[in-house]
C-alpha atoms as a PDB file:
ATOM      1  CA  MET A   1     -53.160  13.420 -22.113  1.00  0.00           C
ATOM      2  CA  ARG A   2     -50.920  16.464 -21.638  1.00  0.00           C
ATOM      3  CA  LYS A   3     -51.822  16.888 -18.158  1.00  0.00           C
ATOM      4  CA  ALA A   4     -51.157  13.268 -17.063  1.00  0.00           C
ATOM      5  CA  LEU A   5     -47.925  13.368 -18.909  1.00  0.00           C
ATOM      6  CA  PHE A   6     -46.682  16.487 -16.808  1.00  0.00           C
ATOM      7  CA  LEU A   7     -48.125  14.915 -13.640  1.00  0.00           C
ATOM      8  CA  LEU A   8     -46.103  11.827 -14.424  1.00  0.00           C
ATOM      9  CA  LEU A   9     -42.938  13.857 -15.044  1.00  0.00           C
ATOM     10  CA  PHE A  10     -43.490  16.070 -11.874  1.00  0.00           C
ATOM     11  CA  VAL A  11     -44.119  12.772  -9.555  1.00  0.00           C
ATOM     12  CA  ALA A  12     -40.701  11.380 -11.317  1.00  0.00           C
ATOM     13  CA  ILE A  13     -38.523  14.403 -10.699  1.00  0.00           C
ATOM     14  CA  GLY A  14     -39.831  14.624  -6.771  1.00  0.00           C
ATOM     15  CA  SER A  15     -39.113  11.049  -6.367  1.00  0.00           C
ATOM     16  CA  LEU A  16     -35.484  11.891  -7.533  1.00  0.00           C
ATOM     17  CA  GLN A  17     -35.087  14.620  -5.087  1.00  0.00           C
ATOM     18  CA  SER A  18     -36.453  12.618  -2.228  1.00  0.00           C
ATOM     19  CA  CYS A  19     -33.230  10.888  -1.365  1.00  0.00           C
ATOM     20  CA  ASP A  20     -32.144  11.536   2.255  1.00  0.00           C
ATOM     21  CA  ASP A  21     -29.172  13.863   2.348  1.00  0.00           C
ATOM     22  CA  ARG A  22     -28.631  12.880   5.999  1.00  0.00           C
ATOM     23  CA  ILE A  23     -27.006   9.194   4.708  1.00  0.00           C
ATOM     24  CA  THR A  24     -23.467   8.944   5.782  1.00  0.00           C
ATOM     25  CA  PRO A  25     -20.906   6.457   4.546  1.00  0.00           C
ATOM     26  CA  ASN A  26     -20.396   3.238   6.794  1.00  0.00           C
ATOM     27  CA  GLU A  27     -17.922   4.397   9.646  1.00  0.00           C
ATOM     28  CA  SER A  28     -15.765   1.332   9.057  1.00  0.00           C
ATOM     29  CA  LEU A  29     -15.354   2.173   5.524  1.00  0.00           C
ATOM     30  CA  LYS A  30     -14.235   5.949   6.206  1.00  0.00           C
ATOM     31  CA  GLU A  31     -12.020   4.770   8.833  1.00  0.00           C
ATOM     32  CA  ALA A  32     -10.360   2.481   6.161  1.00  0.00           C
ATOM     33  CA  LEU A  33     -10.280   5.406   3.776  1.00  0.00           C
ATOM     34  CA  GLU A  34      -8.603   7.498   6.103  1.00  0.00           C
ATOM     35  CA  GLN A  35      -6.034   5.006   7.069  1.00  0.00           C
ATOM     36  CA  ALA A  36      -5.334   4.396   3.500  1.00  0.00           C
ATOM     37  CA  GLN A  37      -4.717   7.939   2.909  1.00  0.00           C
ATOM     38  CA  LYS A  38      -2.452   8.280   5.827  1.00  0.00           C
ATOM     39  CA  ARG A  39      -0.551   5.302   4.822  1.00  0.00           C
ATOM     40  CA  ASN A  40       0.008   6.506   1.382  1.00  0.00           C
ATOM     41  CA  ALA A  41       1.234  10.068   2.443  1.00  0.00           C
ATOM     42  CA  LEU A  42       3.513   8.321   4.926  1.00  0.00           C
ATOM     43  CA  LEU A  43       4.918   5.941   2.558  1.00  0.00           C
ATOM     44  CA  VAL A  44       5.897   8.726  -0.228  1.00  0.00           C
ATOM     45  CA  GLN A  45       7.418  11.043   2.531  1.00  0.00           C
ATOM     46  CA  LYS A  46      10.527   9.060   3.095  1.00  0.00           C
ATOM     47  CA  THR A  47      13.121   6.886   1.717  1.00  0.00           C
ATOM     48  CA  TRP A  48      12.964   3.258   3.183  1.00  0.00           C
ATOM     49  CA  ARG A  49      15.737   0.740   3.979  1.00  0.00           C
ATOM     50  CA  PHE A  50      15.932  -2.804   5.175  1.00  0.00           C
ATOM     51  CA  TYR A  51      15.739  -3.445   8.959  1.00  0.00           C
ATOM     52  CA  LEU A  52      14.737  -7.036   8.461  1.00  0.00           C
ATOM     53  CA  TYR A  53      14.821  -9.426   5.460  1.00  0.00           C
ATOM     54  CA  GLU A  54      13.783 -13.074   6.022  1.00  0.00           C
ATOM     55  CA  ASN A  55      13.599 -15.388   2.880  1.00  0.00           C
ATOM     56  CA  LYS A  56      10.625 -18.060   3.583  1.00  0.00           C
ATOM     57  CA  SER A  57      11.271 -20.523   0.671  1.00  0.00           C
ATOM     58  CA  ASN A  58      10.800 -24.307   0.380  1.00  0.00           C
ATOM     59  CA  GLY A  59       8.913 -24.227   3.621  1.00  0.00           C
ATOM     60  CA  THR A  60      11.891 -23.069   5.691  1.00  0.00           C
ATOM     61  CA  SER A  61      12.586 -19.611   7.138  1.00  0.00           C
ATOM     62  CA  SER A  62      15.923 -18.232   6.635  1.00  0.00           C
ATOM     63  CA  VAL A  63      17.061 -14.703   8.021  1.00  0.00           C
ATOM     64  CA  ILE A  64      19.183 -13.202   5.178  1.00  0.00           C
ATOM     65  CA  TYR A  65      19.456  -9.585   6.898  1.00  0.00           C
ATOM     66  CA  SER A  66      18.896  -8.323  10.497  1.00  0.00           C
ATOM     67  CA  GLU A  67      20.140  -5.216  11.979  1.00  0.00           C
ATOM     68  CA  LYS A  68      18.846  -6.429  15.430  1.00  0.00           C
ATOM     69  CA  ASP A  69      20.828  -9.511  15.385  1.00  0.00           C
ATOM     70  CA  GLY A  70      23.636  -8.448  13.412  1.00  0.00           C
ATOM     71  CA  ILE A  71      23.202 -10.816  10.456  1.00  0.00           C
ATOM     72  CA  GLY A  72      24.375  -9.715   7.074  1.00  0.00           C
ATOM     73  CA  LEU A  73      25.326  -6.106   7.855  1.00  0.00           C
ATOM     74  CA  LYS A  74      27.907  -5.858   5.148  1.00  0.00           C
ATOM     75  CA  SER A  75      25.440  -7.720   2.601  1.00  0.00           C
ATOM     76  CA  GLU A  76      23.663  -5.932  -0.445  1.00  0.00           C
ATOM     77  CA  TYR A  77      20.673  -5.812   1.733  1.00  0.00           C
ATOM     78  CA  SER A  78      22.279  -3.195   3.755  1.00  0.00           C
ATOM     79  CA  ARG A  79      22.595  -0.811   0.890  1.00  0.00           C
ATOM     80  CA  ILE A  80      19.171  -1.374  -0.687  1.00  0.00           C
ATOM     81  CA  THR A  81      16.716   1.738  -0.729  1.00  0.00           C
ATOM     82  CA  TYR A  82      12.927   1.966  -1.470  1.00  0.00           C
ATOM     83  CA  VAL A  83      11.481   5.157  -2.900  1.00  0.00           C
ATOM     84  CA  PHE A  84       7.690   5.499  -3.230  1.00  0.00           C
ATOM     85  CA  LYS A  85       6.437   8.291  -5.370  1.00  0.00           C
ATOM     86  CA  GLU A  86       3.036   9.929  -5.188  1.00  0.00           C
ATOM     87  CA  ASP A  87       2.574   9.390  -8.971  1.00  0.00           C
ATOM     88  CA  GLY A  88       2.362   5.534  -8.094  1.00  0.00           C
ATOM     89  CA  THR A  89       5.985   4.736  -9.154  1.00  0.00           C
ATOM     90  CA  PHE A  90       8.632   3.134  -7.212  1.00  0.00           C
ATOM     91  CA  SER A  91      12.623   2.514  -7.149  1.00  0.00           C
ATOM     92  CA  ILE A  92      14.391  -0.036  -5.254  1.00  0.00           C
ATOM     93  CA  SER A  93      18.269   0.613  -5.188  1.00  0.00           C
ATOM     94  CA  ASN A  94      21.179  -1.059  -4.105  1.00  0.00           C
ATOM     95  CA  GLY A  95      23.360   1.761  -5.276  1.00  0.00           C
ATOM     96  CA  THR A  96      24.342   0.196  -8.485  1.00  0.00           C
ATOM     97  CA  ASN A  97      21.240  -1.420  -9.839  1.00  0.00           C
ATOM     98  CA  THR A  98      17.827  -0.061  -9.667  1.00  0.00           C
ATOM     99  CA  MET A  99      14.365  -1.954 -10.226  1.00  0.00           C
ATOM    100  CA  ASN A 100      11.647   0.789 -11.188  1.00  0.00           C
ATOM    101  CA  GLY A 101       7.972   0.034 -11.455  1.00  0.00           C
ATOM    102  CA  LYS A 102       4.274   0.892 -10.062  1.00  0.00           C
ATOM    103  CA  TRP A 103       2.982   0.562  -6.498  1.00  0.00           C
ATOM    104  CA  ARG A 104      -0.393   0.734  -4.752  1.00  0.00           C
ATOM    105  CA  LEU A 105      -2.002  -0.030  -1.606  1.00  0.00           C
ATOM    106  CA  ALA A 106      -4.569  -2.805  -1.837  1.00  0.00           C
ATOM    107  CA  GLN A 107      -7.180  -4.351   0.216  1.00  0.00           C
ATOM    108  CA  MET A 108      -8.143  -1.157   2.063  1.00  0.00           C
ATOM    109  CA  ALA A 109      -4.460  -0.303   2.423  1.00  0.00           C
ATOM    110  CA  THR A 110      -3.793  -3.672   4.096  1.00  0.00           C
ATOM    111  CA  SER A 111      -1.649  -5.026   1.591  1.00  0.00           C
ATOM    112  CA  LEU A 112       1.275  -3.339  -0.885  1.00  0.00           C
ATOM    113  CA  GLU A 113       1.550  -4.256  -4.456  1.00  0.00           C
ATOM    114  CA  LEU A 114       4.832  -3.756  -6.129  1.00  0.00           C
ATOM    115  CA  THR A 115       4.759  -4.208 -10.231  1.00  0.00           C
ATOM    116  CA  SER A 116       8.327  -3.891 -11.711  1.00  0.00           C
ATOM    117  CA  ASP A 117       8.618  -2.507 -15.021  1.00  0.00           C
ATOM    118  CA  SER A 118       9.398  -5.903 -16.413  1.00  0.00           C
ATOM    119  CA  GLY A 119       5.656  -6.951 -15.369  1.00  0.00           C
ATOM    120  CA  LEU A 120       6.606  -8.969 -12.251  1.00  0.00           C
ATOM    121  CA  THR A 121       3.956  -8.560  -9.432  1.00  0.00           C
ATOM    122  CA  SER A 122       4.437  -9.225  -5.606  1.00  0.00           C
ATOM    123  CA  THR A 123       1.872  -8.455  -3.167  1.00  0.00           C
ATOM    124  CA  TYR A 124       2.564  -8.160   0.560  1.00  0.00           C
ATOM    125  CA  THR A 125       0.418  -8.327   3.485  1.00  0.00           C
ATOM    126  CA  ILE A 126       0.961  -5.262   5.595  1.00  0.00           C
ATOM    127  CA  ASN A 127       1.354  -6.682   9.341  1.00  0.00           C
ATOM    128  CA  GLN A 128       2.641  -3.319  10.557  1.00  0.00           C
ATOM    129  CA  PHE A 129       2.428   0.443   9.373  1.00  0.00           C
ATOM    130  CA  SER A 130       3.897   3.455  11.180  1.00  0.00           C
ATOM    131  CA  GLU A 131       6.205   6.487  10.877  1.00  0.00           C
ATOM    132  CA  THR A 132       9.254   4.466  12.120  1.00  0.00           C
ATOM    133  CA  ALA A 133       8.544   0.937  10.437  1.00  0.00           C
ATOM    134  CA  ILE A 134       6.692  -0.924   7.939  1.00  0.00           C
ATOM    135  CA  GLU A 135       6.295  -4.839   8.296  1.00  0.00           C
ATOM    136  CA  CYS A 136       5.171  -6.846   5.248  1.00  0.00           C
ATOM    137  CA  GLU A 137       4.985 -10.752   4.645  1.00  0.00           C
ATOM    138  CA  SER A 138       4.260 -12.704   1.527  1.00  0.00           C
ATOM    139  CA  ALA A 139       4.319 -16.432   1.028  1.00  0.00           C
ATOM    140  CA  THR A 140       7.952 -16.383   0.033  1.00  0.00           C
ATOM    141  CA  ASP A 141       9.300 -13.548   2.354  1.00  0.00           C
ATOM    142  CA  LYS A 142       9.201 -11.019   5.221  1.00  0.00           C
ATOM    143  CA  PHE A 143      10.597  -7.766   5.661  1.00  0.00           C
ATOM    144  CA  ILE A 144      10.696  -4.601   7.778  1.00  0.00           C
ATOM    145  CA  LEU A 145      11.467  -1.286   6.206  1.00  0.00           C
ATOM    146  CA  ILE A 146      12.563   1.642   8.235  1.00  0.00           C
ATOM    147  CA  PRO A 147      13.322   5.216   7.276  1.00  0.00           C
ATOM    148  CA  LYS A 148      16.558   5.772   5.685  1.00  0.00           C
ATOM    149  CA  GLN A 149      18.528   8.417   7.819  1.00  0.00           C
END
């Protein structure tokens, strides 16, 4: 009986160690993880500001602020800055008022989720992400952030 248990234990241990060490993660998953890490690092390196803000409420689209087109350049949107911190917190400020909360890149870093300290969550699809611009869009608005200089 002891020999049978010993043999069974030996076979069980042997089968646990027979996994192939050469198995590697799916390449697309690996690339998505690298992209997420790069986006995360880039997001926290800079203070961001609006280049464009477009409201898309009620089935219509209205540009509220656009540096390119000279729209709203003296408005509050010209003073708004976004700061994303490594600890997953953010602050959005217009110089007078500040909104704080938590941020995260979601869906393989293709969306940005912002949850304010008051509990309001906004999710944006990331259309473009580079060192010079981040373009995000939701059902109600679209914006492009550029580094504050």
